[in-house]
Amino acid sequence: QVQLVESGGGLVQAGGSLRLSCAASGRTFSSFAMGWFRQAPGKEREFVASISRSGNRTFSASSVKGRWTISRDNTENTVYLQMNSLKPEDTAVYFCAAGTVDNSPVLRQYVYWGQGTQVTVSS
């Protein structure tokens, strides 16, 4: 089992920045690929970014590429999502997830999920 707890969400103005954190406990963190997903009201959960187990490869959705960066610290069992140049359309609940396939954008390939953290971007 892996427990994931997200933090760092909040209310920010358009153009601002936030950094989300996801702390993992339980089984060996470095054995899991990690991903960030988001779900806006009335919409399906969608892929945002992923990072390989070693942290040397990342993959981002086109909607966030160039604005956001995913990273991980395997010594701290934490994955981060640095979000810059935020837009109102980025408003959603953000979830981190752990899986066994590096850099997968496919939701069902992630086994463990956090409870989510709300990000609201005002215009």
N, C-alpha and C. Protein backbone atom coordinates (compact mmCIF):
# COMPACT_ATOMS: atom_id res chain seq x y z
N GLN A 1 0.82 -1.19 0.00
CA GLN A 1 0.00 0.00 0.00
C GLN A 1 0.86 1.25 0.00
N VAL A 2 0.37 2.29 -0.64
CA VAL A 2 1.00 3.59 -0.65
C VAL A 2 -0.06 4.61 -0.29
N GLN A 3 0.26 5.46 0.66
CA GLN A 3 -0.63 6.56 1.00
C GLN A 3 -0.06 7.85 0.43
N LEU A 4 -0.91 8.61 -0.22
CA LEU A 4 -0.51 9.84 -0.87
C LEU A 4 -1.31 11.00 -0.30
N VAL A 5 -0.62 12.06 0.06
CA VAL A 5 -1.28 13.24 0.61
C VAL A 5 -0.80 14.48 -0.13
N GLU A 6 -1.73 15.14 -0.81
CA GLU A 6 -1.40 16.35 -1.55
C GLU A 6 -1.53 17.59 -0.67
N SER A 7 -0.77 18.60 -1.00
CA SER A 7 -0.87 19.88 -0.31
C SER A 7 -0.40 20.97 -1.26
N GLY A 8 -0.68 22.22 -0.87
CA GLY A 8 -0.20 23.34 -1.65
C GLY A 8 -1.23 24.03 -2.52
N GLY A 9 -2.43 23.49 -2.56
CA GLY A 9 -3.47 24.13 -3.34
C GLY A 9 -3.94 25.42 -2.70
N GLY A 10 -4.77 26.15 -3.42
CA GLY A 10 -5.30 27.39 -2.88
C GLY A 10 -5.88 28.26 -3.96
N LEU A 11 -6.10 29.52 -3.61
CA LEU A 11 -6.65 30.51 -4.51
C LEU A 11 -5.54 31.44 -4.97
N VAL A 12 -5.46 31.63 -6.28
CA VAL A 12 -4.40 32.47 -6.83
C VAL A 12 -4.97 33.24 -8.02
N GLN A 13 -4.42 34.40 -8.28
CA GLN A 13 -4.86 35.18 -9.43
C GLN A 13 -4.22 34.65 -10.71
N ALA A 14 -4.88 34.89 -11.80
CA ALA A 14 -4.34 34.49 -13.09
C ALA A 14 -2.94 35.08 -13.28
N GLY A 15 -2.05 34.26 -13.80
CA GLY A 15 -0.66 34.68 -13.97
C GLY A 15 0.22 34.32 -12.80
N GLY A 16 -0.38 33.92 -11.70
CA GLY A 16 0.38 33.57 -10.51
C GLY A 16 0.92 32.15 -10.55
N SER A 17 1.52 31.75 -9.43
CA SER A 17 2.16 30.44 -9.33
C SER A 17 1.74 29.74 -8.05
N LEU A 18 1.77 28.43 -8.11
CA LEU A 18 1.59 27.57 -6.95
C LEU A 18 2.51 26.37 -7.11
N ARG A 19 2.90 25.80 -5.98
CA ARG A 19 3.63 24.53 -6.03
C ARG A 19 2.86 23.51 -5.21
N LEU A 20 2.46 22.47 -5.87
CA LEU A 20 1.80 21.36 -5.20
C LEU A 20 2.83 20.34 -4.75
N SER A 21 2.57 19.74 -3.61
CA SER A 21 3.41 18.66 -3.10
C SER A 21 2.54 17.44 -2.87
N CYS A 22 3.16 16.29 -3.00
CA CYS A 22 2.48 15.03 -2.72
C CYS A 22 3.44 14.17 -1.93
N ALA A 23 3.12 13.96 -0.67
CA ALA A 23 3.97 13.15 0.20
C ALA A 23 3.47 11.72 0.22
N ALA A 24 4.40 10.79 0.06
CA ALA A 24 4.04 9.38 0.00
C ALA A 24 4.58 8.64 1.21
N SER A 25 3.83 7.69 1.66
CA SER A 25 4.28 6.81 2.74
C SER A 25 3.85 5.40 2.41
N GLY A 26 4.50 4.45 3.05
CA GLY A 26 4.18 3.07 2.78
C GLY A 26 5.30 2.39 2.02
N ARG A 27 4.96 1.77 0.92
CA ARG A 27 5.95 1.04 0.15
C ARG A 27 6.98 1.98 -0.48
N THR A 28 8.06 1.43 -0.97
CA THR A 28 9.17 2.21 -1.49
C THR A 28 8.74 3.17 -2.57
N PHE A 29 8.90 4.45 -2.28
CA PHE A 29 8.45 5.50 -3.18
C PHE A 29 9.13 5.41 -4.53
N SER A 30 10.42 5.14 -4.54
CA SER A 30 11.18 5.15 -5.78
C SER A 30 10.81 4.02 -6.73
N SER A 31 10.02 3.09 -6.29
CA SER A 31 9.60 2.00 -7.16
C SER A 31 8.34 2.34 -7.95
N PHE A 32 7.82 3.54 -7.74
CA PHE A 32 6.60 3.95 -8.41
C PHE A 32 6.83 5.13 -9.34
N ALA A 33 6.25 5.03 -10.53
CA ALA A 33 6.10 6.20 -11.38
C ALA A 33 5.02 7.08 -10.75
N MET A 34 5.17 8.38 -10.91
CA MET A 34 4.22 9.29 -10.29
C MET A 34 3.58 10.19 -11.33
N GLY A 35 2.34 10.55 -11.07
CA GLY A 35 1.65 11.42 -12.00
C GLY A 35 0.76 12.41 -11.26
N TRP A 36 0.45 13.48 -11.95
CA TRP A 36 -0.53 14.46 -11.49
C TRP A 36 -1.69 14.46 -12.48
N PHE A 37 -2.88 14.49 -11.94
CA PHE A 37 -4.11 14.58 -12.73
C PHE A 37 -4.96 15.70 -12.15
N ARG A 38 -5.95 16.14 -12.90
CA ARG A 38 -6.86 17.15 -12.38
C ARG A 38 -8.29 16.87 -12.86
N GLN A 39 -9.22 17.38 -12.08
CA GLN A 39 -10.62 17.20 -12.42
C GLN A 39 -11.37 18.48 -12.11
N ALA A 40 -11.88 19.09 -13.15
CA ALA A 40 -12.69 20.29 -13.01
C ALA A 40 -14.16 19.90 -12.84
N PRO A 41 -14.96 20.78 -12.26
CA PRO A 41 -16.38 20.46 -12.05
C PRO A 41 -17.07 20.06 -13.35
N GLY A 42 -17.75 18.94 -13.32
CA GLY A 42 -18.50 18.48 -14.47
C GLY A 42 -17.66 17.86 -15.57
N LYS A 43 -16.37 17.70 -15.32
CA LYS A 43 -15.48 17.15 -16.35
C LYS A 43 -14.81 15.88 -15.84
N GLU A 44 -14.29 15.11 -16.78
CA GLU A 44 -13.57 13.90 -16.40
C GLU A 44 -12.17 14.25 -15.89
N ARG A 45 -11.64 13.33 -15.10
CA ARG A 45 -10.28 13.51 -14.61
C ARG A 45 -9.31 13.41 -15.79
N GLU A 46 -8.36 14.32 -15.86
CA GLU A 46 -7.44 14.33 -16.98
C GLU A 46 -5.99 14.37 -16.53
N PHE A 47 -5.14 13.85 -17.38
CA PHE A 47 -3.70 13.80 -17.14
C PHE A 47 -3.10 15.19 -17.20
N VAL A 48 -2.15 15.45 -16.30
CA VAL A 48 -1.42 16.71 -16.29
C VAL A 48 0.06 16.48 -16.58
N ALA A 49 0.70 15.64 -15.76
CA ALA A 49 2.13 15.42 -15.92
C ALA A 49 2.52 14.14 -15.21
N SER A 50 3.64 13.56 -15.66
CA SER A 50 4.15 12.35 -15.01
C SER A 50 5.66 12.40 -14.96
N ILE A 51 6.21 11.57 -14.08
CA ILE A 51 7.65 11.50 -13.91
C ILE A 51 8.03 10.05 -13.65
N SER A 52 9.15 9.66 -14.24
CA SER A 52 9.59 8.27 -14.11
C SER A 52 10.09 7.97 -12.71
N ARG A 53 10.31 6.71 -12.45
CA ARG A 53 10.71 6.30 -11.11
C ARG A 53 12.03 6.93 -10.67
N SER A 54 12.94 7.05 -11.60
CA SER A 54 14.23 7.66 -11.24
C SER A 54 14.18 9.18 -11.27
N GLY A 55 13.18 9.72 -11.92
CA GLY A 55 13.04 11.17 -12.03
C GLY A 55 13.74 11.76 -13.23
N ASN A 56 14.32 10.93 -14.09
CA ASN A 56 15.08 11.49 -15.20
C ASN A 56 14.25 11.70 -16.46
N ARG A 57 13.00 11.28 -16.44
CA ARG A 57 12.12 11.51 -17.59
C ARG A 57 10.77 12.03 -17.12
N THR A 58 10.29 13.04 -17.83
CA THR A 58 8.99 13.60 -17.52
C THR A 58 8.16 13.69 -18.78
N PHE A 59 6.86 13.83 -18.58
CA PHE A 59 5.93 13.92 -19.70
C PHE A 59 4.78 14.80 -19.24
N SER A 60 4.41 15.78 -20.07
CA SER A 60 3.37 16.72 -19.68
C SER A 60 2.30 16.83 -20.75
N ALA A 61 1.10 17.15 -20.31
CA ALA A 61 0.03 17.43 -21.25
C ALA A 61 0.35 18.71 -22.01
N SER A 62 -0.14 18.80 -23.22
CA SER A 62 0.16 19.98 -24.04
C SER A 62 -0.38 21.27 -23.41
N SER A 63 -1.45 21.13 -22.65
CA SER A 63 -2.07 22.32 -22.04
C SER A 63 -1.20 22.97 -20.97
N VAL A 64 -0.25 22.23 -20.44
CA VAL A 64 0.59 22.77 -19.36
C VAL A 64 2.06 22.82 -19.73
N LYS A 65 2.41 22.26 -20.86
CA LYS A 65 3.81 22.21 -21.25
C LYS A 65 4.37 23.62 -21.39
N GLY A 66 5.56 23.80 -20.82
CA GLY A 66 6.19 25.11 -20.86
C GLY A 66 5.79 26.02 -19.71
N ARG A 67 4.71 25.67 -19.03
CA ARG A 67 4.27 26.46 -17.87
C ARG A 67 4.54 25.75 -16.56
N TRP A 68 4.43 24.42 -16.57
CA TRP A 68 4.51 23.67 -15.33
C TRP A 68 5.65 22.65 -15.40
N THR A 69 6.13 22.29 -14.20
CA THR A 69 7.23 21.33 -14.11
C THR A 69 6.93 20.32 -13.01
N ILE A 70 7.07 19.06 -13.35
CA ILE A 70 6.95 18.00 -12.36
C ILE A 70 8.34 17.57 -11.93
N SER A 71 8.50 17.29 -10.67
CA SER A 71 9.79 16.82 -10.15
C SER A 71 9.52 15.90 -8.96
N ARG A 72 10.55 15.20 -8.54
CA ARG A 72 10.40 14.33 -7.39
C ARG A 72 11.70 14.30 -6.60
N ASP A 73 11.55 14.01 -5.33
CA ASP A 73 12.70 13.84 -4.44
C ASP A 73 12.52 12.48 -3.78
N ASN A 74 13.25 11.50 -4.24
CA ASN A 74 13.09 10.15 -3.72
C ASN A 74 13.64 10.00 -2.30
N THR A 75 14.46 10.94 -1.86
CA THR A 75 14.95 10.89 -0.48
C THR A 75 13.89 11.43 0.48
N GLU A 76 13.00 12.27 -0.05
CA GLU A 76 11.93 12.85 0.77
C GLU A 76 10.58 12.22 0.49
N ASN A 77 10.55 11.24 -0.42
CA ASN A 77 9.29 10.56 -0.78
C ASN A 77 8.21 11.56 -1.20
N THR A 78 8.61 12.52 -2.01
CA THR A 78 7.68 13.59 -2.39
C THR A 78 7.79 13.87 -3.88
N VAL A 79 6.64 14.14 -4.48
CA VAL A 79 6.59 14.60 -5.86
C VAL A 79 5.98 15.99 -5.86
N TYR A 80 6.46 16.83 -6.75
CA TYR A 80 6.04 18.23 -6.81
C TYR A 80 5.46 18.56 -8.18
N LEU A 81 4.63 19.59 -8.18
CA LEU A 81 4.15 20.16 -9.43
C LEU A 81 4.25 21.68 -9.29
N GLN A 82 5.23 22.25 -9.96
CA GLN A 82 5.40 23.70 -9.97
C GLN A 82 4.54 24.25 -11.10
N MET A 83 3.58 25.09 -10.74
CA MET A 83 2.63 25.62 -11.71
C MET A 83 2.82 27.12 -11.83
N ASN A 84 3.27 27.55 -12.98
CA ASN A 84 3.48 28.97 -13.26
C ASN A 84 2.48 29.43 -14.32
N SER A 85 2.32 30.72 -14.41
CA SER A 85 1.43 31.32 -15.42
C SER A 85 0.04 30.68 -15.37
N LEU A 86 -0.51 30.59 -14.21
CA LEU A 86 -1.80 29.93 -14.04
C LEU A 86 -2.92 30.68 -14.75
N LYS A 87 -3.88 29.92 -15.26
CA LYS A 87 -5.02 30.45 -15.99
C LYS A 87 -6.31 30.03 -15.28
N PRO A 88 -7.38 30.77 -15.46
CA PRO A 88 -8.65 30.36 -14.85
C PRO A 88 -9.06 28.94 -15.25
N GLU A 89 -8.74 28.53 -16.44
CA GLU A 89 -9.11 27.18 -16.88
C GLU A 89 -8.29 26.08 -16.20
N ASP A 90 -7.30 26.46 -15.41
CA ASP A 90 -6.56 25.48 -14.62
C ASP A 90 -7.27 25.15 -13.31
N THR A 91 -8.35 25.84 -13.03
CA THR A 91 -9.11 25.58 -11.81
C THR A 91 -9.62 24.15 -11.80
N ALA A 92 -9.29 23.42 -10.75
CA ALA A 92 -9.66 22.01 -10.65
C ALA A 92 -9.18 21.46 -9.31
N VAL A 93 -9.60 20.26 -9.02
CA VAL A 93 -8.99 19.49 -7.94
C VAL A 93 -7.84 18.70 -8.55
N TYR A 94 -6.69 18.80 -7.91
CA TYR A 94 -5.49 18.15 -8.42
C TYR A 94 -5.16 16.93 -7.57
N PHE A 95 -4.90 15.82 -8.26
CA PHE A 95 -4.62 14.55 -7.61
C PHE A 95 -3.23 14.06 -7.99
N CYS A 96 -2.51 13.52 -7.05
CA CYS A 96 -1.31 12.79 -7.41
C CYS A 96 -1.62 11.30 -7.37
N ALA A 97 -0.85 10.54 -8.11
CA ALA A 97 -1.11 9.12 -8.24
C ALA A 97 0.20 8.38 -8.44
N ALA A 98 0.22 7.14 -8.00
CA ALA A 98 1.40 6.28 -8.12
C ALA A 98 1.06 5.08 -8.98
N GLY A 99 1.95 4.77 -9.90
CA GLY A 99 1.71 3.64 -10.79
C GLY A 99 2.99 2.89 -11.10
N THR A 100 2.86 1.91 -11.98
CA THR A 100 4.00 1.05 -12.30
C THR A 100 4.51 1.21 -13.72
N VAL A 101 3.94 2.12 -14.47
CA VAL A 101 4.36 2.36 -15.85
C VAL A 101 4.92 3.77 -15.94
N ASP A 102 6.20 3.88 -16.28
CA ASP A 102 6.82 5.20 -16.37
C ASP A 102 6.15 6.07 -17.42
N ASN A 103 5.88 7.31 -17.01
CA ASN A 103 5.42 8.35 -17.92
C ASN A 103 4.15 7.99 -18.69
N SER A 104 3.27 7.35 -18.02
CA SER A 104 1.99 7.02 -18.65
C SER A 104 0.98 8.12 -18.40
N PRO A 105 0.24 8.55 -19.44
CA PRO A 105 -0.86 9.49 -19.25
C PRO A 105 -2.20 8.81 -18.99
N VAL A 106 -2.17 7.49 -18.87
CA VAL A 106 -3.39 6.71 -18.77
C VAL A 106 -3.80 6.54 -17.32
N LEU A 107 -4.95 7.05 -17.01
CA LEU A 107 -5.44 7.08 -15.63
C LEU A 107 -5.48 5.69 -15.01
N ARG A 108 -5.94 4.69 -15.74
CA ARG A 108 -6.14 3.37 -15.14
C ARG A 108 -4.82 2.65 -14.85
N GLN A 109 -3.70 3.20 -15.31
CA GLN A 109 -2.41 2.58 -15.02
C GLN A 109 -1.81 3.09 -13.71
N TYR A 110 -2.56 3.94 -13.02
CA TYR A 110 -2.13 4.41 -11.72
C TYR A 110 -2.95 3.68 -10.66
N VAL A 111 -2.24 3.15 -9.68
CA VAL A 111 -2.86 2.25 -8.71
C VAL A 111 -3.30 2.97 -7.45
N TYR A 112 -2.49 3.90 -6.99
CA TYR A 112 -2.78 4.59 -5.73
C TYR A 112 -3.03 6.07 -6.02
N TRP A 113 -3.97 6.62 -5.28
CA TRP A 113 -4.40 8.01 -5.49
C TRP A 113 -4.50 8.74 -4.16
N GLY A 114 -4.17 10.03 -4.22
CA GLY A 114 -4.42 10.89 -3.08
C GLY A 114 -5.84 11.40 -3.09
N GLN A 115 -6.16 12.20 -2.08
CA GLN A 115 -7.52 12.73 -1.94
C GLN A 115 -7.74 14.00 -2.74
N GLY A 116 -6.67 14.62 -3.18
CA GLY A 116 -6.80 15.81 -4.01
C GLY A 116 -6.66 17.10 -3.23
N THR A 117 -6.25 18.14 -3.95
CA THR A 117 -6.14 19.47 -3.39
C THR A 117 -6.74 20.46 -4.40
N GLN A 118 -7.51 21.41 -3.90
CA GLN A 118 -8.21 22.34 -4.76
C GLN A 118 -7.30 23.47 -5.19
N VAL A 119 -7.31 23.75 -6.48
CA VAL A 119 -6.63 24.92 -7.04
C VAL A 119 -7.68 25.77 -7.73
N THR A 120 -7.75 27.02 -7.32
CA THR A 120 -8.71 27.95 -7.93
C THR A 120 -7.94 29.16 -8.44
N VAL A 121 -8.14 29.45 -9.72
CA VAL A 121 -7.45 30.57 -10.35
C VAL A 121 -8.49 31.62 -10.73
N SER A 122 -8.36 32.78 -10.16
CA SER A 122 -9.33 33.86 -10.44
C SER A 122 -8.83 34.72 -11.59
N SER A 123 -9.78 35.25 -12.33
CA SER A 123 -9.42 36.09 -13.49
C SER A 123 -9.28 37.55 -13.11
